[in-house]
Amino acid sequence: MAAQTSYSGSVEISKFFLDTSTVIRTTEMHTGGEPLRIVESGYPLLKGKTILEKRKYARDYCDNFRTFLMHEPRGHYDQYGAILVESDHPEADMAVLFIHNEGYSTMCGHAVIALGRYAVDRRLVKPSPPETTVNIQCPCGLVKAFVTCTEDGRTGCVRFHSVPAFVFANDVEVNVEGYGNVRADISYGGAFYAIVNAECMGLDVKTSKIKDIINAHAFSVYYCVKSSTVANISTHVSVTFHVNFDIICKNEGRYAVESHATGATILRASYKCFH
């Protein structure tokens, strides 16, 4: 049985607008600098029997609330959010929809880490030292967060197990303006990612500027892959650059991570969350 969350949607469908009387309660967290705005109340009550139906309802009828929270002046380009909703998964402790400046995503690692801490700190899940399991229903499926905690309930490091990862397609060729034909591997790990060899685009993820990767390269590949036939299986495709599969740079561009693990192991990496 899922634990009751603190989320309380209360806005009726006839009132899906924003004015000076609108009050939305949030908790602000971050994971190593990655922001997360957790929406606890004031968001329209999202209708639907499943989490995907609620996600569609939010996108179709309540998108002005997303832009209100994610865009300036209340948010910013890298703002990320989590809307707590009722779970329809029998094993879930909580359920969440992910929002950002462009729309809705199916999975977010840094948000899961923050939500793990949030669930234990707010006692949505009873602490169980030395490590508490928090089952989080995401649009991609059930994700398990593992939160270290002391006997008196203080939380610490968080790790998580995402949904199963798999390779969807190898050597997908897309034409990128300024670079010609570029080959990408498309993999899934809660969302679909296009993995591109940095060298074929004149990049070195150890020395190239992050903003150059984002502005000149990542977005170009992103839109080319997203518009290709093979990538139309998802409304969200991210771009990952790699060199011999051991240097990872996410297309959001806020950090580079060096890893000698496989993609599946990366999904189970441990991070520390601060708030």
C-alpha atoms as a PDB file:
ATOM      1  CA  MET A   1       0.000   0.000   0.000  1.00  0.00           C
ATOM      2  CA  ALA A   2       1.425   3.364  -0.976  1.00  0.00           C
ATOM      3  CA  ALA A   3       2.054   5.853   1.786  1.00  0.00           C
ATOM      4  CA  GLN A   4      -0.041   9.005   1.658  1.00  0.00           C
ATOM      5  CA  THR A   5       1.934  11.919   0.209  1.00  0.00           C
ATOM      6  CA  SER A   6       1.713  15.528   1.319  1.00  0.00           C
ATOM      7  CA  TYR A   7       0.351  16.540  -2.075  1.00  0.00           C
ATOM      8  CA  SER A   8      -3.052  18.214  -1.992  1.00  0.00           C
ATOM      9  CA  GLY A   9      -4.410  19.309  -5.353  1.00  0.00           C
ATOM     10  CA  SER A  10      -7.456  21.469  -4.794  1.00  0.00           C
ATOM     11  CA  VAL A  11      -8.145  23.578  -7.874  1.00  0.00           C
ATOM     12  CA  GLU A  12     -11.322  22.691  -9.774  1.00  0.00           C
ATOM     13  CA  ILE A  13     -11.290  22.438 -13.560  1.00  0.00           C
ATOM     14  CA  SER A  14     -13.202  25.728 -13.914  1.00  0.00           C
ATOM     15  CA  LYS A  15     -10.373  27.513 -12.105  1.00  0.00           C
ATOM     16  CA  PHE A  16      -7.379  26.432 -14.179  1.00  0.00           C
ATOM     17  CA  PHE A  17      -6.002  29.933 -14.404  1.00  0.00           C
ATOM     18  CA  LEU A  18      -3.483  31.960 -12.437  1.00  0.00           C
ATOM     19  CA  ASP A  19      -4.143  35.244 -10.680  1.00  0.00           C
ATOM     20  CA  THR A  20      -3.072  37.096  -7.547  1.00  0.00           C
ATOM     21  CA  SER A  21      -5.007  34.637  -5.385  1.00  0.00           C
ATOM     22  CA  THR A  22      -3.013  31.634  -6.616  1.00  0.00           C
ATOM     23  CA  VAL A  23      -0.875  30.061  -3.886  1.00  0.00           C
ATOM     24  CA  ILE A  24       1.366  27.095  -4.690  1.00  0.00           C
ATOM     25  CA  ARG A  25       3.340  25.502  -1.875  1.00  0.00           C
ATOM     26  CA  THR A  26       6.718  23.995  -2.724  1.00  0.00           C
ATOM     27  CA  THR A  27       9.834  22.621  -1.079  1.00  0.00           C
ATOM     28  CA  GLU A  28      13.113  23.629  -2.744  1.00  0.00           C
ATOM     29  CA  MET A  29      15.921  21.071  -2.868  1.00  0.00           C
ATOM     30  CA  HIS A  30      19.044  20.444  -4.881  1.00  0.00           C
ATOM     31  CA  THR A  31      21.301  17.525  -5.676  1.00  0.00           C
ATOM     32  CA  GLY A  32      24.886  18.692  -5.966  1.00  0.00           C
ATOM     33  CA  GLY A  33      23.593  21.957  -7.439  1.00  0.00           C
ATOM     34  CA  GLU A  34      20.855  20.449  -9.636  1.00  0.00           C
ATOM     35  CA  PRO A  35      17.608  22.182  -8.527  1.00  0.00           C
ATOM     36  CA  LEU A  36      14.340  20.493  -7.706  1.00  0.00           C
ATOM     37  CA  ARG A  37      11.114  22.320  -6.881  1.00  0.00           C
ATOM     38  CA  ILE A  38       8.725  19.856  -5.244  1.00  0.00           C
ATOM     39  CA  VAL A  39       5.094  20.931  -5.637  1.00  0.00           C
ATOM     40  CA  GLU A  40       3.116  20.035  -2.538  1.00  0.00           C
ATOM     41  CA  SER A  41      -0.168  21.910  -2.938  1.00  0.00           C
ATOM     42  CA  GLY A  42      -1.973  24.441  -5.096  1.00  0.00           C
ATOM     43  CA  TYR A  43      -1.510  22.619  -8.385  1.00  0.00           C
ATOM     44  CA  PRO A  44      -4.714  21.614 -10.210  1.00  0.00           C
ATOM     45  CA  LEU A  45      -6.021  18.192  -9.257  1.00  0.00           C
ATOM     46  CA  LEU A  46      -4.769  15.987 -12.075  1.00  0.00           C
ATOM     47  CA  LYS A  47      -7.367  13.548 -13.339  1.00  0.00           C
ATOM     48  CA  GLY A  48      -6.606  10.056 -14.574  1.00  0.00           C
ATOM     49  CA  LYS A  49      -6.459   6.484 -13.314  1.00  0.00           C
ATOM     50  CA  THR A  50      -2.776   6.003 -14.160  1.00  0.00           C
ATOM     51  CA  ILE A  51       0.279   8.193 -13.806  1.00  0.00           C
ATOM     52  CA  LEU A  52       0.521   8.502 -17.598  1.00  0.00           C
ATOM     53  CA  GLU A  53      -3.076   9.685 -17.785  1.00  0.00           C
ATOM     54  CA  LYS A  54      -2.313  12.288 -15.113  1.00  0.00           C
ATOM     55  CA  ARG A  55       0.764  13.375 -17.084  1.00  0.00           C
ATOM     56  CA  LYS A  56      -1.319  13.829 -20.229  1.00  0.00           C
ATOM     57  CA  TYR A  57      -3.957  15.755 -18.302  1.00  0.00           C
ATOM     58  CA  ALA A  58      -1.290  18.066 -16.856  1.00  0.00           C
ATOM     59  CA  ARG A  59       0.143  18.692 -20.305  1.00  0.00           C
ATOM     60  CA  ASP A  60      -3.239  19.266 -21.966  1.00  0.00           C
ATOM     61  CA  TYR A  61      -5.009  21.358 -19.323  1.00  0.00           C
ATOM     62  CA  CYS A  62      -2.538  22.717 -16.764  1.00  0.00           C
ATOM     63  CA  ASP A  63       0.563  23.661 -18.697  1.00  0.00           C
ATOM     64  CA  ASN A  64       0.314  27.299 -17.610  1.00  0.00           C
ATOM     65  CA  PHE A  65       1.055  26.116 -14.067  1.00  0.00           C
ATOM     66  CA  ARG A  66       4.246  24.432 -15.302  1.00  0.00           C
ATOM     67  CA  THR A  67       5.472  27.590 -17.047  1.00  0.00           C
ATOM     68  CA  PHE A  68       4.474  29.649 -13.999  1.00  0.00           C
ATOM     69  CA  LEU A  69       6.772  27.540 -11.820  1.00  0.00           C
ATOM     70  CA  MET A  70       9.602  26.784 -14.238  1.00  0.00           C
ATOM     71  CA  HIS A  71      10.080  30.023 -16.172  1.00  0.00           C
ATOM     72  CA  GLU A  72      11.445  33.336 -14.958  1.00  0.00           C
ATOM     73  CA  PRO A  73      10.940  35.207 -12.718  1.00  0.00           C
ATOM     74  CA  ARG A  74      10.067  32.304 -10.375  1.00  0.00           C
ATOM     75  CA  GLY A  75      12.198  29.742 -12.180  1.00  0.00           C
ATOM     76  CA  HIS A  76      15.080  29.782 -14.654  1.00  0.00           C
ATOM     77  CA  TYR A  77      16.483  27.969 -17.677  1.00  0.00           C
ATOM     78  CA  ASP A  78      17.731  25.006 -15.614  1.00  0.00           C
ATOM     79  CA  GLN A  79      14.783  24.829 -13.221  1.00  0.00           C
ATOM     80  CA  TYR A  80      13.367  21.357 -12.598  1.00  0.00           C
ATOM     81  CA  GLY A  81      10.215  20.369 -10.793  1.00  0.00           C
ATOM     82  CA  ALA A  82       8.355  17.406  -9.331  1.00  0.00           C
ATOM     83  CA  ILE A  83       4.580  17.268  -8.906  1.00  0.00           C
ATOM     84  CA  LEU A  84       3.484  14.835  -6.219  1.00  0.00           C
ATOM     85  CA  VAL A  85       0.452  12.819  -7.335  1.00  0.00           C
ATOM     86  CA  GLU A  86      -1.490   9.794  -6.156  1.00  0.00           C
ATOM     87  CA  SER A  87       0.174   6.505  -7.070  1.00  0.00           C
ATOM     88  CA  ASP A  88      -1.469   3.699  -9.024  1.00  0.00           C
ATOM     89  CA  HIS A  89       1.404   1.257  -8.431  1.00  0.00           C
ATOM     90  CA  PRO A  90       0.881  -1.248  -5.577  1.00  0.00           C
ATOM     91  CA  GLU A  91       4.508  -1.092  -4.447  1.00  0.00           C
ATOM     92  CA  ALA A  92       4.996   2.687  -4.623  1.00  0.00           C
ATOM     93  CA  ASP A  93       5.521   4.881  -1.570  1.00  0.00           C
ATOM     94  CA  MET A  94       4.947   7.991  -3.657  1.00  0.00           C
ATOM     95  CA  ALA A  95       4.335   9.027  -7.264  1.00  0.00           C
ATOM     96  CA  VAL A  96       5.677  11.993  -9.169  1.00  0.00           C
ATOM     97  CA  LEU A  97       5.517  13.842 -12.481  1.00  0.00           C
ATOM     98  CA  PHE A  98       8.660  15.619 -13.686  1.00  0.00           C
ATOM     99  CA  ILE A  99       8.500  19.086 -15.244  1.00  0.00           C
ATOM    100  CA  HIS A 100      11.125  21.446 -16.660  1.00  0.00           C
ATOM    101  CA  ASN A 101      11.446  24.557 -18.812  1.00  0.00           C
ATOM    102  CA  GLU A 102      10.431  22.754 -22.017  1.00  0.00           C
ATOM    103  CA  GLY A 103       7.817  20.292 -20.838  1.00  0.00           C
ATOM    104  CA  TYR A 104       7.548  16.930 -19.099  1.00  0.00           C
ATOM    105  CA  SER A 105      10.092  14.131 -18.727  1.00  0.00           C
ATOM    106  CA  THR A 106       9.733  10.476 -17.843  1.00  0.00           C
ATOM    107  CA  MET A 107      12.720  10.080 -15.515  1.00  0.00           C
ATOM    108  CA  CYS A 108      15.210  12.295 -13.710  1.00  0.00           C
ATOM    109  CA  GLY A 109      18.101  10.962 -11.647  1.00  0.00           C
ATOM    110  CA  HIS A 110      18.875  14.050  -9.595  1.00  0.00           C
ATOM    111  CA  ALA A 111      15.165  14.488  -8.811  1.00  0.00           C
ATOM    112  CA  VAL A 112      14.889  10.883  -7.608  1.00  0.00           C
ATOM    113  CA  ILE A 113      17.838  11.452  -5.275  1.00  0.00           C
ATOM    114  CA  ALA A 114      16.239  14.568  -3.804  1.00  0.00           C
ATOM    115  CA  LEU A 115      12.833  12.879  -3.542  1.00  0.00           C
ATOM    116  CA  GLY A 116      14.390   9.995  -1.630  1.00  0.00           C
ATOM    117  CA  ARG A 117      15.664  12.391   1.009  1.00  0.00           C
ATOM    118  CA  TYR A 118      12.406  14.312   0.956  1.00  0.00           C
ATOM    119  CA  ALA A 119      10.313  11.181   1.554  1.00  0.00           C
ATOM    120  CA  VAL A 120      12.332  10.140   4.602  1.00  0.00           C
ATOM    121  CA  ASP A 121      12.784  13.670   5.998  1.00  0.00           C
ATOM    122  CA  ARG A 122       9.032  14.302   5.775  1.00  0.00           C
ATOM    123  CA  ARG A 123       8.280  10.816   7.128  1.00  0.00           C
ATOM    124  CA  LEU A 124       6.334   9.790   4.042  1.00  0.00           C
ATOM    125  CA  VAL A 125       8.409   6.649   4.526  1.00  0.00           C
ATOM    126  CA  LYS A 126       9.456   5.461   7.974  1.00  0.00           C
ATOM    127  CA  PRO A 127      13.255   5.585   8.471  1.00  0.00           C
ATOM    128  CA  SER A 128      14.879   2.175   8.609  1.00  0.00           C
ATOM    129  CA  PRO A 129      18.598   2.478   9.489  1.00  0.00           C
ATOM    130  CA  PRO A 130      21.122   2.122   8.083  1.00  0.00           C
ATOM    131  CA  GLU A 131      19.399   2.492   4.717  1.00  0.00           C
ATOM    132  CA  THR A 132      15.761   3.192   3.902  1.00  0.00           C
ATOM    133  CA  THR A 133      14.173   2.082   0.624  1.00  0.00           C
ATOM    134  CA  VAL A 134      11.812   4.553  -1.042  1.00  0.00           C
ATOM    135  CA  ASN A 135       9.759   3.250  -3.975  1.00  0.00           C
ATOM    136  CA  ILE A 136       8.986   6.122  -6.342  1.00  0.00           C
ATOM    137  CA  GLN A 137       6.543   5.700  -9.185  1.00  0.00           C
ATOM    138  CA  CYS A 138       7.761   7.762 -12.149  1.00  0.00           C
ATOM    139  CA  PRO A 139       6.232   7.960 -15.632  1.00  0.00           C
ATOM    140  CA  CYS A 140       8.903   5.477 -16.763  1.00  0.00           C
ATOM    141  CA  GLY A 141       8.049   2.969 -14.029  1.00  0.00           C
ATOM    142  CA  LEU A 142       9.001   2.136 -10.438  1.00  0.00           C
ATOM    143  CA  VAL A 143      12.372   3.542  -9.335  1.00  0.00           C
ATOM    144  CA  LYS A 144      13.900   2.519  -6.012  1.00  0.00           C
ATOM    145  CA  ALA A 145      15.865   5.081  -3.991  1.00  0.00           C
ATOM    146  CA  PHE A 146      18.062   3.974  -1.085  1.00  0.00           C
ATOM    147  CA  VAL A 147      18.569   6.643   1.580  1.00  0.00           C
ATOM    148  CA  THR A 148      21.183   6.255   4.294  1.00  0.00           C
ATOM    149  CA  CYS A 149      19.934   7.328   7.703  1.00  0.00           C
ATOM    150  CA  THR A 150      20.999   7.268  11.317  1.00  0.00           C
ATOM    151  CA  GLU A 151      19.146   5.836  14.297  1.00  0.00           C
ATOM    152  CA  ASP A 152      17.687   9.269  15.065  1.00  0.00           C
ATOM    153  CA  GLY A 153      16.380   9.622  11.492  1.00  0.00           C
ATOM    154  CA  ARG A 154      18.951  11.969   9.967  1.00  0.00           C
ATOM    155  CA  THR A 155      19.381  11.316   6.252  1.00  0.00           C
ATOM    156  CA  GLY A 156      22.567  11.254   4.190  1.00  0.00           C
ATOM    157  CA  CYS A 157      23.723   9.794   0.898  1.00  0.00           C
ATOM    158  CA  VAL A 158      21.251   8.477  -1.669  1.00  0.00           C
ATOM    159  CA  ARG A 159      21.590   5.910  -4.451  1.00  0.00           C
ATOM    160  CA  PHE A 160      18.916   4.523  -6.728  1.00  0.00           C
ATOM    161  CA  HIS A 161      18.006   1.696  -9.081  1.00  0.00           C
ATOM    162  CA  SER A 162      16.259   2.895 -12.198  1.00  0.00           C
ATOM    163  CA  VAL A 163      14.087   0.905 -14.577  1.00  0.00           C
ATOM    164  CA  PRO A 164      15.857  -1.661 -16.810  1.00  0.00           C
ATOM    165  CA  ALA A 165      18.067  -0.133 -19.492  1.00  0.00           C
ATOM    166  CA  PHE A 166      18.459  -1.449 -23.033  1.00  0.00           C
ATOM    167  CA  VAL A 167      19.870  -0.526 -26.434  1.00  0.00           C
ATOM    168  CA  PHE A 168      17.073   0.434 -28.818  1.00  0.00           C
ATOM    169  CA  ALA A 169      19.076   0.955 -32.020  1.00  0.00           C
ATOM    170  CA  ASN A 170      22.726   0.993 -33.139  1.00  0.00           C
ATOM    171  CA  ASP A 171      24.386   3.193 -35.758  1.00  0.00           C
ATOM    172  CA  VAL A 172      21.421   5.418 -36.500  1.00  0.00           C
ATOM    173  CA  GLU A 173      22.597   7.892 -39.133  1.00  0.00           C
ATOM    174  CA  VAL A 174      21.364  11.483 -38.981  1.00  0.00           C
ATOM    175  CA  ASN A 175      22.429  14.503 -40.983  1.00  0.00           C
ATOM    176  CA  VAL A 176      23.571  17.315 -38.730  1.00  0.00           C
ATOM    177  CA  GLU A 177      24.000  20.749 -40.256  1.00  0.00           C
ATOM    178  CA  GLY A 178      27.661  21.719 -40.265  1.00  0.00           C
ATOM    179  CA  TYR A 179      28.841  18.166 -39.521  1.00  0.00           C
ATOM    180  CA  GLY A 180      27.261  16.003 -42.197  1.00  0.00           C
ATOM    181  CA  ASN A 181      26.168  12.472 -41.399  1.00  0.00           C
ATOM    182  CA  VAL A 182      26.634  11.503 -37.758  1.00  0.00           C
ATOM    183  CA  ARG A 183      26.016   8.047 -36.301  1.00  0.00           C
ATOM    184  CA  ALA A 184      24.329   7.586 -32.950  1.00  0.00           C
ATOM    185  CA  ASP A 185      23.323   4.684 -30.741  1.00  0.00           C
ATOM    186  CA  ILE A 186      19.918   5.085 -29.097  1.00  0.00           C
ATOM    187  CA  SER A 187      19.516   3.596 -25.629  1.00  0.00           C
ATOM    188  CA  TYR A 188      16.823   3.668 -22.976  1.00  0.00           C
ATOM    189  CA  GLY A 189      17.239   4.184 -19.257  1.00  0.00           C
ATOM    190  CA  GLY A 190      13.993   5.762 -18.139  1.00  0.00           C
ATOM    191  CA  ALA A 191      14.223   8.064 -21.176  1.00  0.00           C
ATOM    192  CA  PHE A 192      15.747   7.642 -24.610  1.00  0.00           C
ATOM    193  CA  TYR A 193      19.317   8.853 -25.146  1.00  0.00           C
ATOM    194  CA  ALA A 194      21.323   9.287 -28.322  1.00  0.00           C
ATOM    195  CA  ILE A 195      24.981   8.390 -27.705  1.00  0.00           C
ATOM    196  CA  VAL A 196      27.418  10.087 -30.079  1.00  0.00           C
ATOM    197  CA  ASN A 197      31.178   9.777 -30.359  1.00  0.00           C
ATOM    198  CA  ALA A 198      32.557  13.200 -29.483  1.00  0.00           C
ATOM    199  CA  GLU A 199      35.531  12.884 -31.811  1.00  0.00           C
ATOM    200  CA  CYS A 200      33.355  12.719 -34.928  1.00  0.00           C
ATOM    201  CA  MET A 201      32.157  16.246 -34.121  1.00  0.00           C
ATOM    202  CA  GLY A 202      35.535  17.651 -33.187  1.00  0.00           C
ATOM    203  CA  LEU A 203      34.831  17.569 -29.473  1.00  0.00           C
ATOM    204  CA  ASP A 204      36.814  16.554 -26.442  1.00  0.00           C
ATOM    205  CA  VAL A 205      34.529  16.263 -23.441  1.00  0.00           C
ATOM    206  CA  LYS A 206      37.497  16.694 -21.100  1.00  0.00           C
ATOM    207  CA  THR A 207      38.600  20.015 -22.575  1.00  0.00           C
ATOM    208  CA  SER A 208      35.731  21.438 -24.650  1.00  0.00           C
ATOM    209  CA  LYS A 209      33.590  24.106 -23.013  1.00  0.00           C
ATOM    210  CA  ILE A 210      30.246  22.829 -21.794  1.00  0.00           C
ATOM    211  CA  LYS A 211      28.403  25.744 -23.386  1.00  0.00           C
ATOM    212  CA  ASP A 212      30.019  24.942 -26.736  1.00  0.00           C
ATOM    213  CA  ILE A 213      28.840  21.348 -26.516  1.00  0.00           C
ATOM    214  CA  ILE A 214      25.320  22.507 -25.696  1.00  0.00           C
ATOM    215  CA  ASN A 215      24.924  25.379 -28.111  1.00  0.00           C
ATOM    216  CA  ALA A 216      26.903  24.194 -31.107  1.00  0.00           C
ATOM    217  CA  HIS A 217      26.532  20.429 -30.921  1.00  0.00           C
ATOM    218  CA  ALA A 218      24.123  18.845 -28.482  1.00  0.00           C
ATOM    219  CA  PHE A 219      21.008  20.707 -29.615  1.00  0.00           C
ATOM    220  CA  SER A 220      21.861  20.097 -33.275  1.00  0.00           C
ATOM    221  CA  VAL A 221      22.109  16.348 -32.738  1.00  0.00           C
ATOM    222  CA  TYR A 222      19.119  16.396 -30.387  1.00  0.00           C
ATOM    223  CA  TYR A 223      16.728  17.816 -32.956  1.00  0.00           C
ATOM    224  CA  CYS A 224      18.085  15.706 -35.808  1.00  0.00           C
ATOM    225  CA  VAL A 225      17.743  12.469 -33.841  1.00  0.00           C
ATOM    226  CA  LYS A 226      14.377  13.450 -32.390  1.00  0.00           C
ATOM    227  CA  SER A 227      12.987  14.146 -35.857  1.00  0.00           C
ATOM    228  CA  SER A 228      14.316  10.909 -37.347  1.00  0.00           C
ATOM    229  CA  THR A 229      11.917   8.028 -37.882  1.00  0.00           C
ATOM    230  CA  VAL A 230      13.633   5.655 -35.465  1.00  0.00           C
ATOM    231  CA  ALA A 231      13.540   8.169 -32.636  1.00  0.00           C
ATOM    232  CA  ASN A 232       9.872   8.980 -32.900  1.00  0.00           C
ATOM    233  CA  ILE A 233       9.170   6.299 -30.292  1.00  0.00           C
ATOM    234  CA  SER A 234       9.750   8.999 -27.657  1.00  0.00           C
ATOM    235  CA  THR A 235       8.787  12.596 -27.148  1.00  0.00           C
ATOM    236  CA  HIS A 236      12.030  13.187 -25.271  1.00  0.00           C
ATOM    237  CA  VAL A 237      15.460  12.284 -26.572  1.00  0.00           C
ATOM    238  CA  SER A 238      18.611  13.414 -24.811  1.00  0.00           C
ATOM    239  CA  VAL A 239      22.078  13.481 -26.300  1.00  0.00           C
ATOM    240  CA  THR A 240      25.066  11.890 -24.624  1.00  0.00           C
ATOM    241  CA  PHE A 241      28.592  12.281 -25.932  1.00  0.00           C
ATOM    242  CA  HIS A 242      31.097   9.547 -25.262  1.00  0.00           C
ATOM    243  CA  VAL A 243      34.705   8.671 -25.896  1.00  0.00           C
ATOM    244  CA  ASN A 244      35.247   4.931 -25.721  1.00  0.00           C
ATOM    245  CA  PHE A 245      32.095   4.726 -23.601  1.00  0.00           C
ATOM    246  CA  ASP A 246      33.817   6.015 -20.498  1.00  0.00           C
ATOM    247  CA  ILE A 247      33.359   9.769 -20.644  1.00  0.00           C
ATOM    248  CA  ILE A 248      29.774  10.928 -20.293  1.00  0.00           C
ATOM    249  CA  CYS A 249      28.516  14.466 -20.859  1.00  0.00           C
ATOM    250  CA  LYS A 250      24.786  15.063 -20.602  1.00  0.00           C
ATOM    251  CA  ASN A 251      23.214  17.391 -23.110  1.00  0.00           C
ATOM    252  CA  GLU A 252      21.723  19.551 -20.378  1.00  0.00           C
ATOM    253  CA  GLY A 253      25.364  20.533 -20.089  1.00  0.00           C
ATOM    254  CA  ARG A 254      25.661  21.350 -16.426  1.00  0.00           C
ATOM    255  CA  TYR A 255      28.288  18.782 -15.635  1.00  0.00           C
ATOM    256  CA  ALA A 256      30.609  16.173 -17.068  1.00  0.00           C
ATOM    257  CA  VAL A 257      31.124  12.834 -15.362  1.00  0.00           C
ATOM    258  CA  GLU A 258      34.015  10.456 -15.898  1.00  0.00           C
ATOM    259  CA  SER A 259      33.061   6.843 -15.426  1.00  0.00           C
ATOM    260  CA  HIS A 260      34.516   3.485 -16.348  1.00  0.00           C
ATOM    261  CA  ALA A 261      31.242   1.692 -15.667  1.00  0.00           C
ATOM    262  CA  THR A 262      28.647   0.434 -18.067  1.00  0.00           C
ATOM    263  CA  GLY A 263      25.440   2.313 -18.709  1.00  0.00           C
ATOM    264  CA  ALA A 264      23.503  -0.045 -16.434  1.00  0.00           C
ATOM    265  CA  THR A 265      25.880   0.588 -13.557  1.00  0.00           C
ATOM    266  CA  ILE A 266      25.699   4.343 -14.082  1.00  0.00           C
ATOM    267  CA  LEU A 267      21.983   4.093 -13.416  1.00  0.00           C
ATOM    268  CA  ARG A 268      22.872   2.756  -9.985  1.00  0.00           C
ATOM    269  CA  ALA A 269      25.509   5.333  -9.134  1.00  0.00           C
ATOM    270  CA  SER A 270      25.515   6.919  -5.676  1.00  0.00           C
ATOM    271  CA  TYR A 271      25.266  10.655  -5.100  1.00  0.00           C
ATOM    272  CA  LYS A 272      24.881  12.925  -2.128  1.00  0.00           C
ATOM    273  CA  CYS A 273      21.914  15.245  -1.902  1.00  0.00           C
ATOM    274  CA  PHE A 274      21.986  18.540  -0.019  1.00  0.00           C
ATOM    275  CA  HIS A 275      19.113  20.811   0.818  1.00  0.00           C
END
